[in-house]
Amino acid sequence: MAKIEVREHESIEEALRRFKRELQKSGILSEVKRRRHYEKPSEKRRRKMIEAEKRRRKRLARARGERRERRRERGRR
């Protein structure tokens, strides 16, 4: 459960913004949206496969960027 304490001299708007950010990080909002309607098992499998592919591509892109950075440091292109 996401929980924040309002800091001294903090406006309600700032506290609400921090709370929303905390909910976003914890994944509560996305889960609530997903559970709003029934999701067939086949749809769930498809969604999970798509999410895994996105994570894999993100990891590959990050690795490529790191390799390019190391090449630049060594003086190559």
N, C-alpha and C. Protein backbone atom coordinates (compact mmCIF):
# COMPACT_ATOMS: atom_id res chain seq x y z
N MET A 1 0.84 -1.18 0.00
CA MET A 1 0.00 0.00 0.00
C MET A 1 0.89 1.24 0.00
N ALA A 2 0.64 2.12 -0.92
CA ALA A 2 1.40 3.36 -1.02
C ALA A 2 0.95 4.31 0.09
N LYS A 3 1.92 4.92 0.74
CA LYS A 3 1.59 5.80 1.84
C LYS A 3 2.63 6.91 1.91
N ILE A 4 2.17 8.13 2.12
CA ILE A 4 3.09 9.25 2.30
C ILE A 4 2.64 10.05 3.52
N GLU A 5 3.56 10.78 4.08
CA GLU A 5 3.24 11.69 5.18
C GLU A 5 3.42 13.10 4.67
N VAL A 6 2.46 13.94 4.94
CA VAL A 6 2.54 15.33 4.50
C VAL A 6 3.62 16.02 5.32
N ARG A 7 4.56 16.61 4.61
CA ARG A 7 5.68 17.28 5.28
C ARG A 7 5.23 18.64 5.81
N GLU A 8 6.03 19.14 6.72
CA GLU A 8 5.74 20.46 7.28
C GLU A 8 5.87 21.51 6.18
N HIS A 9 4.93 22.42 6.11
CA HIS A 9 4.87 23.49 5.12
C HIS A 9 4.70 22.97 3.69
N GLU A 10 4.16 21.77 3.53
CA GLU A 10 3.93 21.22 2.20
C GLU A 10 2.46 21.40 1.84
N SER A 11 2.20 21.88 0.65
CA SER A 11 0.80 22.08 0.25
C SER A 11 0.16 20.73 -0.07
N ILE A 12 -1.15 20.70 -0.06
CA ILE A 12 -1.89 19.48 -0.36
C ILE A 12 -1.61 19.05 -1.80
N GLU A 13 -1.48 20.02 -2.71
CA GLU A 13 -1.21 19.69 -4.11
C GLU A 13 0.13 18.96 -4.26
N GLU A 14 1.15 19.44 -3.54
CA GLU A 14 2.47 18.78 -3.61
C GLU A 14 2.40 17.38 -3.02
N ALA A 15 1.69 17.23 -1.90
CA ALA A 15 1.56 15.92 -1.28
C ALA A 15 0.80 14.96 -2.20
N LEU A 16 -0.24 15.47 -2.84
CA LEU A 16 -1.02 14.65 -3.76
C LEU A 16 -0.16 14.22 -4.95
N ARG A 17 0.68 15.13 -5.45
CA ARG A 17 1.58 14.82 -6.55
C ARG A 17 2.56 13.71 -6.15
N ARG A 18 3.11 13.82 -4.93
CA ARG A 18 4.03 12.78 -4.45
C ARG A 18 3.31 11.44 -4.31
N PHE A 19 2.06 11.49 -3.80
CA PHE A 19 1.28 10.27 -3.62
C PHE A 19 1.00 9.60 -4.96
N LYS A 20 0.62 10.38 -5.97
CA LYS A 20 0.36 9.83 -7.30
C LYS A 20 1.62 9.21 -7.89
N ARG A 21 2.77 9.87 -7.68
CA ARG A 21 4.03 9.34 -8.17
C ARG A 21 4.35 8.00 -7.49
N GLU A 22 4.07 7.92 -6.19
CA GLU A 22 4.30 6.69 -5.43
C GLU A 22 3.40 5.56 -5.94
N LEU A 23 2.15 5.89 -6.23
CA LEU A 23 1.23 4.89 -6.80
C LEU A 23 1.74 4.40 -8.15
N GLN A 24 2.24 5.33 -8.96
CA GLN A 24 2.76 4.97 -10.28
C GLN A 24 3.93 4.01 -10.14
N LYS A 25 4.85 4.31 -9.23
CA LYS A 25 6.03 3.47 -9.03
C LYS A 25 5.64 2.07 -8.57
N SER A 26 4.67 1.99 -7.67
CA SER A 26 4.30 0.69 -7.11
C SER A 26 3.46 -0.14 -8.06
N GLY A 27 2.91 0.48 -9.11
CA GLY A 27 2.13 -0.27 -10.09
C GLY A 27 0.69 -0.51 -9.70
N ILE A 28 0.23 0.15 -8.65
CA ILE A 28 -1.13 -0.06 -8.16
C ILE A 28 -2.15 0.44 -9.17
N LEU A 29 -1.92 1.62 -9.72
CA LEU A 29 -2.89 2.19 -10.67
C LEU A 29 -3.05 1.32 -11.91
N SER A 30 -1.94 0.86 -12.45
CA SER A 30 -2.03 0.04 -13.66
C SER A 30 -2.74 -1.28 -13.37
N GLU A 31 -2.52 -1.83 -12.18
CA GLU A 31 -3.20 -3.07 -11.81
C GLU A 31 -4.71 -2.85 -11.65
N VAL A 32 -5.09 -1.75 -11.06
CA VAL A 32 -6.51 -1.43 -10.89
C VAL A 32 -7.17 -1.28 -12.26
N LYS A 33 -6.50 -0.58 -13.17
CA LYS A 33 -7.05 -0.40 -14.51
C LYS A 33 -7.19 -1.75 -15.21
N ARG A 34 -6.20 -2.61 -15.04
CA ARG A 34 -6.24 -3.93 -15.67
C ARG A 34 -7.38 -4.78 -15.12
N ARG A 35 -7.63 -4.68 -13.83
CA ARG A 35 -8.64 -5.51 -13.19
C ARG A 35 -10.05 -4.94 -13.30
N ARG A 36 -10.18 -3.78 -13.90
CA ARG A 36 -11.48 -3.16 -14.05
C ARG A 36 -12.42 -4.04 -14.86
N HIS A 37 -11.87 -4.74 -15.85
CA HIS A 37 -12.65 -5.64 -16.70
C HIS A 37 -11.99 -7.01 -16.69
N TYR A 38 -12.79 -8.03 -16.94
CA TYR A 38 -12.27 -9.39 -17.00
C TYR A 38 -11.32 -9.53 -18.18
N GLU A 39 -10.21 -10.21 -17.94
CA GLU A 39 -9.23 -10.44 -18.99
C GLU A 39 -9.13 -11.95 -19.22
N LYS A 40 -9.43 -12.36 -20.44
CA LYS A 40 -9.38 -13.78 -20.77
C LYS A 40 -7.95 -14.28 -20.60
N PRO A 41 -7.80 -15.57 -20.26
CA PRO A 41 -6.45 -16.12 -20.10
C PRO A 41 -5.58 -15.94 -21.35
N SER A 42 -6.18 -16.06 -22.53
CA SER A 42 -5.39 -15.89 -23.76
C SER A 42 -4.93 -14.44 -23.90
N GLU A 43 -5.79 -13.49 -23.51
CA GLU A 43 -5.40 -12.07 -23.56
C GLU A 43 -4.29 -11.78 -22.55
N LYS A 44 -4.39 -12.42 -21.40
CA LYS A 44 -3.38 -12.23 -20.35
C LYS A 44 -2.02 -12.74 -20.84
N ARG A 45 -2.02 -13.95 -21.46
CA ARG A 45 -0.77 -14.51 -21.99
C ARG A 45 -0.19 -13.59 -23.05
N ARG A 46 -1.04 -13.08 -23.94
CA ARG A 46 -0.59 -12.19 -25.01
C ARG A 46 0.01 -10.91 -24.43
N ARG A 47 -0.65 -10.33 -23.43
CA ARG A 47 -0.16 -9.10 -22.80
C ARG A 47 1.19 -9.35 -22.14
N LYS A 48 1.31 -10.47 -21.44
CA LYS A 48 2.58 -10.78 -20.76
C LYS A 48 3.71 -11.00 -21.76
N MET A 49 3.40 -11.63 -22.90
CA MET A 49 4.42 -11.83 -23.93
C MET A 49 4.88 -10.50 -24.50
N ILE A 50 3.94 -9.60 -24.73
CA ILE A 50 4.27 -8.28 -25.27
C ILE A 50 5.13 -7.50 -24.27
N GLU A 51 4.76 -7.56 -22.98
CA GLU A 51 5.54 -6.87 -21.95
C GLU A 51 6.95 -7.43 -21.87
N ALA A 52 7.09 -8.77 -21.95
CA ALA A 52 8.41 -9.39 -21.90
C ALA A 52 9.25 -8.95 -23.10
N GLU A 53 8.64 -8.88 -24.27
CA GLU A 53 9.36 -8.44 -25.48
C GLU A 53 9.83 -7.00 -25.33
N LYS A 54 8.99 -6.14 -24.75
CA LYS A 54 9.39 -4.74 -24.53
C LYS A 54 10.58 -4.66 -23.59
N ARG A 55 10.54 -5.47 -22.51
CA ARG A 55 11.67 -5.48 -21.56
C ARG A 55 12.94 -5.96 -22.24
N ARG A 56 12.81 -7.01 -23.07
CA ARG A 56 13.98 -7.57 -23.77
C ARG A 56 14.58 -6.53 -24.72
N ARG A 57 13.73 -5.84 -25.49
CA ARG A 57 14.23 -4.83 -26.41
C ARG A 57 14.89 -3.67 -25.68
N LYS A 58 14.31 -3.30 -24.55
CA LYS A 58 14.87 -2.21 -23.75
C LYS A 58 16.27 -2.60 -23.23
N ARG A 59 16.39 -3.85 -22.76
CA ARG A 59 17.66 -4.35 -22.25
C ARG A 59 18.70 -4.37 -23.37
N LEU A 60 18.31 -4.83 -24.56
CA LEU A 60 19.23 -4.87 -25.70
C LEU A 60 19.68 -3.47 -26.10
N ALA A 61 18.74 -2.54 -26.14
CA ALA A 61 19.09 -1.16 -26.51
C ALA A 61 20.07 -0.57 -25.51
N ARG A 62 19.84 -0.85 -24.23
CA ARG A 62 20.73 -0.33 -23.20
C ARG A 62 22.12 -0.93 -23.36
N ALA A 63 22.19 -2.24 -23.65
CA ALA A 63 23.49 -2.90 -23.81
C ALA A 63 24.23 -2.34 -25.02
N ARG A 64 23.50 -2.10 -26.12
CA ARG A 64 24.13 -1.52 -27.31
C ARG A 64 24.70 -0.14 -27.01
N GLY A 65 23.95 0.65 -26.28
CA GLY A 65 24.41 1.99 -25.91
C GLY A 65 25.66 1.94 -25.06
N GLU A 66 25.71 0.98 -24.15
CA GLU A 66 26.90 0.85 -23.29
C GLU A 66 28.11 0.42 -24.11
N ARG A 67 27.89 -0.49 -25.08
CA ARG A 67 29.00 -0.91 -25.93
C ARG A 67 29.53 0.26 -26.76
N ARG A 68 28.62 1.06 -27.30
CA ARG A 68 29.05 2.23 -28.08
C ARG A 68 29.86 3.19 -27.21
N GLU A 69 29.40 3.37 -25.99
CA GLU A 69 30.09 4.28 -25.07
C GLU A 69 31.50 3.77 -24.77
N ARG A 70 31.66 2.46 -24.57
CA ARG A 70 32.99 1.90 -24.30
C ARG A 70 33.91 2.07 -25.50
N ARG A 71 33.34 1.89 -26.73
CA ARG A 71 34.15 2.07 -27.94
C ARG A 71 34.64 3.51 -28.05
N ARG A 72 33.77 4.45 -27.75
CA ARG A 72 34.15 5.85 -27.80
C ARG A 72 35.27 6.15 -26.82
N GLU A 73 35.17 5.55 -25.63
CA GLU A 73 36.21 5.79 -24.62
C GLU A 73 37.55 5.23 -25.06
N ARG A 74 37.52 4.13 -25.83
CA ARG A 74 38.76 3.53 -26.31
C ARG A 74 39.31 4.24 -27.54
N GLY A 75 38.53 5.15 -28.10
CA GLY A 75 39.02 5.91 -29.25
C GLY A 75 38.51 5.40 -30.58
N ARG A 76 37.68 4.38 -30.56
CA ARG A 76 37.11 3.88 -31.81
C ARG A 76 35.75 4.49 -32.03
N ARG A 77 35.18 4.24 -33.19
CA ARG A 77 33.82 4.68 -33.49
C ARG A 77 32.93 3.58 -33.19
